[in-house]
Every structure is written in structure tokens, then in C-alpha cells.
Protein backbone atom coordinates (compact mmCIF):
# COMPACT_ATOMS: atom_id res chain seq x y z
CA UNK A 1 -0.18 0.18 0.07
CA UNK A 2 1.50 3.26 -0.92
CA UNK A 3 2.09 5.86 1.94
CA UNK A 4 0.51 9.35 1.76
CA UNK A 5 2.63 12.03 -0.03
CA UNK A 6 4.72 14.73 2.14
CA UNK A 7 3.79 18.16 1.66
CA UNK A 8 6.44 20.52 2.58
CA UNK A 9 5.09 23.46 2.30
CA UNK A 10 5.73 25.03 5.46
CA UNK A 11 4.93 21.77 7.24
CA UNK A 12 7.18 19.27 8.83
CA UNK A 13 9.23 18.68 6.35
CA UNK A 14 9.97 22.74 5.39
CA UNK A 15 13.60 21.82 4.85
CA UNK A 16 12.70 21.12 1.40
CA UNK A 17 11.47 24.57 0.86
CA UNK A 18 13.84 27.37 -0.57
CA UNK A 19 12.46 29.61 1.99
CA UNK A 20 13.89 27.58 5.08
CA UNK A 21 16.36 29.13 6.56
CA UNK A 22 19.63 27.10 5.97
CA UNK A 23 22.25 29.08 4.48
CA UNK A 24 24.11 27.66 1.26
CA UNK A 25 27.28 28.32 -0.48
CA UNK A 26 26.81 28.25 -3.96
CA UNK A 27 29.55 29.01 -6.67
CA UNK A 28 31.74 30.60 -4.24
CA UNK A 29 29.32 32.67 -2.74
CA UNK A 30 27.04 32.61 0.65
CA UNK A 31 23.23 32.82 0.47
CA UNK A 32 21.07 33.36 3.19
CA UNK A 33 18.75 30.74 1.80
CA UNK A 34 18.39 28.87 -1.16
CA UNK A 35 15.68 31.03 -2.44
CA UNK A 36 18.54 33.92 -2.30
CA UNK A 37 20.57 31.97 -4.40
CA UNK A 38 18.18 31.17 -7.13
CA UNK A 39 16.57 34.34 -7.24
CA UNK A 40 20.05 35.76 -8.19
CA UNK A 41 20.76 32.88 -10.44
CA UNK A 42 18.25 34.58 -12.74
CA UNK A 43 20.76 37.43 -13.37
CA UNK A 44 23.94 38.05 -14.62
CA UNK A 45 24.27 41.45 -13.71
CA UNK A 46 26.65 41.72 -10.66
CA UNK A 47 24.89 44.64 -9.02
CA UNK A 48 21.53 43.02 -9.05
CA UNK A 49 22.88 39.75 -7.75
CA UNK A 50 24.00 41.64 -4.62
CA UNK A 51 21.20 43.40 -4.11
CA UNK A 52 19.41 40.00 -4.18
CA UNK A 53 21.84 38.64 -1.96
CA UNK A 54 21.74 41.32 0.57
CA UNK A 55 18.03 41.10 0.94
CA UNK A 56 16.80 40.43 4.48
CA UNK A 57 14.54 37.31 4.16
CA UNK A 58 14.00 34.83 1.24
CA UNK A 59 10.51 36.57 0.37
CA UNK A 60 12.28 39.86 -0.01
CA UNK A 61 14.70 38.06 -2.31
CA UNK A 62 12.15 37.09 -4.28
CA UNK A 63 10.07 40.18 -4.28
CA UNK A 64 13.09 41.91 -5.45
CA UNK A 65 13.74 39.56 -8.32
CA UNK A 66 9.84 39.72 -9.28
CA UNK A 67 9.04 43.45 -8.99
CA UNK A 68 12.36 45.26 -9.67
CA UNK A 69 14.66 43.57 -11.74
CA UNK A 70 11.69 41.14 -13.67
CA UNK A 71 12.66 42.18 -17.32
CA UNK A 72 16.49 41.90 -17.03
CA UNK A 73 16.85 38.11 -16.58
CA UNK A 74 19.28 36.24 -18.42
CA UNK A 75 18.13 35.03 -21.76
CA UNK A 76 18.53 31.53 -21.26
CA UNK A 77 16.85 31.50 -17.67
CA UNK A 78 13.85 29.04 -18.99
CA UNK A 79 16.42 26.30 -20.30
CA UNK A 80 18.51 26.51 -17.38
CA UNK A 81 16.78 26.94 -14.23
CA UNK A 82 15.71 23.69 -13.35
CA UNK A 83 19.49 22.56 -13.50
CA UNK A 84 20.37 25.67 -11.62
CA UNK A 85 17.83 24.82 -9.04
CA UNK A 86 18.86 21.21 -8.75
CA UNK A 87 22.73 22.31 -8.23
CA UNK A 88 21.31 24.77 -5.27
CA UNK A 89 18.98 22.24 -3.54
CA UNK A 90 21.99 19.59 -4.20
CA UNK A 91 24.49 22.65 -2.15
CA UNK A 92 22.08 22.76 0.72
CA UNK A 93 21.63 19.06 1.00
CA UNK A 94 25.45 18.43 0.89
CA UNK A 95 26.07 21.29 3.60
CA UNK A 96 23.58 20.77 6.52
CA UNK A 97 22.85 17.55 8.54
CA UNK A 98 19.24 18.19 9.27
CA UNK A 99 18.49 18.76 5.71
CA UNK A 100 19.77 15.06 5.40
CA UNK A 101 18.24 13.92 8.28
CA UNK A 102 14.52 14.87 7.38
CA UNK A 103 15.15 14.22 3.38
CA UNK A 104 15.90 10.27 4.85
CA UNK A 105 12.59 10.26 7.11
CA UNK A 106 10.76 10.96 3.92
CA UNK A 107 11.51 7.17 2.74
CA UNK A 108 10.40 6.17 -0.36
CA UNK A 109 6.96 8.89 -0.27
CA UNK A 110 6.02 11.45 -2.75
CA UNK A 111 7.34 15.01 -1.89
CA UNK A 112 5.21 17.48 -2.80
CA UNK A 113 5.55 21.14 -2.74
CA UNK A 114 2.05 22.12 -2.15
CA UNK A 115 2.10 25.77 -3.02
CA UNK A 116 -1.17 26.64 -3.90
CA UNK A 117 0.41 29.73 -6.30
CA UNK A 118 2.94 28.18 -8.00
CA UNK A 119 2.16 25.04 -10.55
CA UNK A 120 5.69 24.93 -11.90
CA UNK A 121 7.61 24.17 -8.66
CA UNK A 122 4.64 23.06 -6.69
CA UNK A 123 1.12 21.37 -7.41
CA UNK A 124 -0.66 25.01 -7.79
CA UNK A 125 -4.22 26.10 -7.40
CA UNK A 126 -5.72 23.09 -8.62
CA UNK A 127 -3.26 20.46 -7.29
CA UNK A 128 -2.14 19.00 -10.85
CA UNK A 129 0.97 21.16 -11.21
CA UNK A 130 4.35 20.20 -12.52
CA UNK A 131 5.75 19.78 -8.67
CA UNK A 132 9.29 20.24 -10.40
CA UNK A 133 10.71 21.25 -6.59
CA UNK A 134 9.41 17.92 -5.44
CA UNK A 135 11.01 15.81 -8.17
CA UNK A 136 14.41 17.54 -7.40
CA UNK A 137 13.95 16.42 -3.77
CA UNK A 138 12.93 12.89 -4.73
CA UNK A 139 16.16 12.50 -6.88
CA UNK A 140 18.36 14.33 -4.47
CA UNK A 141 17.06 11.41 -1.80
CA UNK A 142 17.81 8.65 -4.09
CA UNK A 143 21.42 10.05 -4.63
CA UNK A 144 21.70 10.58 -0.80
CA UNK A 145 20.68 6.84 -0.22
CA UNK A 146 22.98 6.05 -2.99
CA UNK A 147 26.04 7.25 -1.49
CA UNK A 148 26.19 9.81 -4.50
CA UNK A 149 26.05 12.39 -1.82
CA UNK A 150 28.10 12.34 1.31
CA UNK A 151 26.15 12.13 4.41
CA UNK A 152 27.62 14.34 7.21
CA UNK A 153 28.30 13.69 10.45
CA UNK A 154 25.73 15.34 13.37
CA UNK A 155 27.19 18.57 14.95
CA UNK A 156 26.96 17.79 18.44
CA UNK A 157 24.70 20.56 19.99
CA UNK A 158 22.24 20.51 16.99
CA UNK A 159 19.52 18.17 16.49
């Protein structure tokens, strides 16, 4: 019998959300969250990228990209965004024991970003979206289980 899917948009497995507060080192830079890194990846201009990197929250990073610079996205954005998101999520997973621990706790259950607003990364308003972020996390979970991503040691004092 198939187990119920895990919904991770602001639930127990929130660690899969780009908005969760896990710092990510990505391409030689430190980002407050995966969302900061993802939003900045839309742009080639260093000034725009810094503006997003310095955003106070993941929500602010998204709003800056969407409302201030939406017309300045890199030309190949729609061709590269899936690969870039996977790279950012892989970096986050490889750098945080807790994220690894929570991802392994999902066992073989489907992972769904149950965002009602996003039918590309999540399941969208009608729950029939593409769920690309969930698919990325399921792929990374398999890589973690298969030893393709090194499992970190727990940091004493952290759970």
C-alpha cells in the first residue's frame, strides 16, 4: 500500500522549501537561503545579484527579483532554471546534516511542494501542477541513499 505523500510547503518537512533558513554556499558565495541563490541566478549583472543576496529574507529576495528586475533576466533563464535549482538544492543538502536527516525520514514517499500559487515548482491551485521542486528532492534523496552525496556527521549540540 502506497503511503501518503509528504507536503513540504511550510510543514514538518519545510527543510525542502527554498524559503527555509539554511545558509547555502553556492558557486563560491554565501547565500542566506536557497531562495536567495535561486533568485540571484536569474541575473548576470553583479549589482542585481548583490541586491538579491543582501535581501533581508527569502521573501524579500523573491520580491526584489519579481518586482524590481523581472525584465532583466538572463536570456537563457527558462532553459537553465531546472538545472540551477537542482544544483542549489544539492548544495543545500550536502551542507546541512539536518536537511539530510529530514530528507531520509521521508523514506520513499512522494514529496510535493503544496504551494497553491506555483504550478511549476509546486502543485498549484488545482493540485495538478508539475511539482518540479518535489521531483528534484526525490532525485536528491535517491542520490543520498545511494551514497552519491556524502552523509554528514551530526554536529554535537544540534538536532
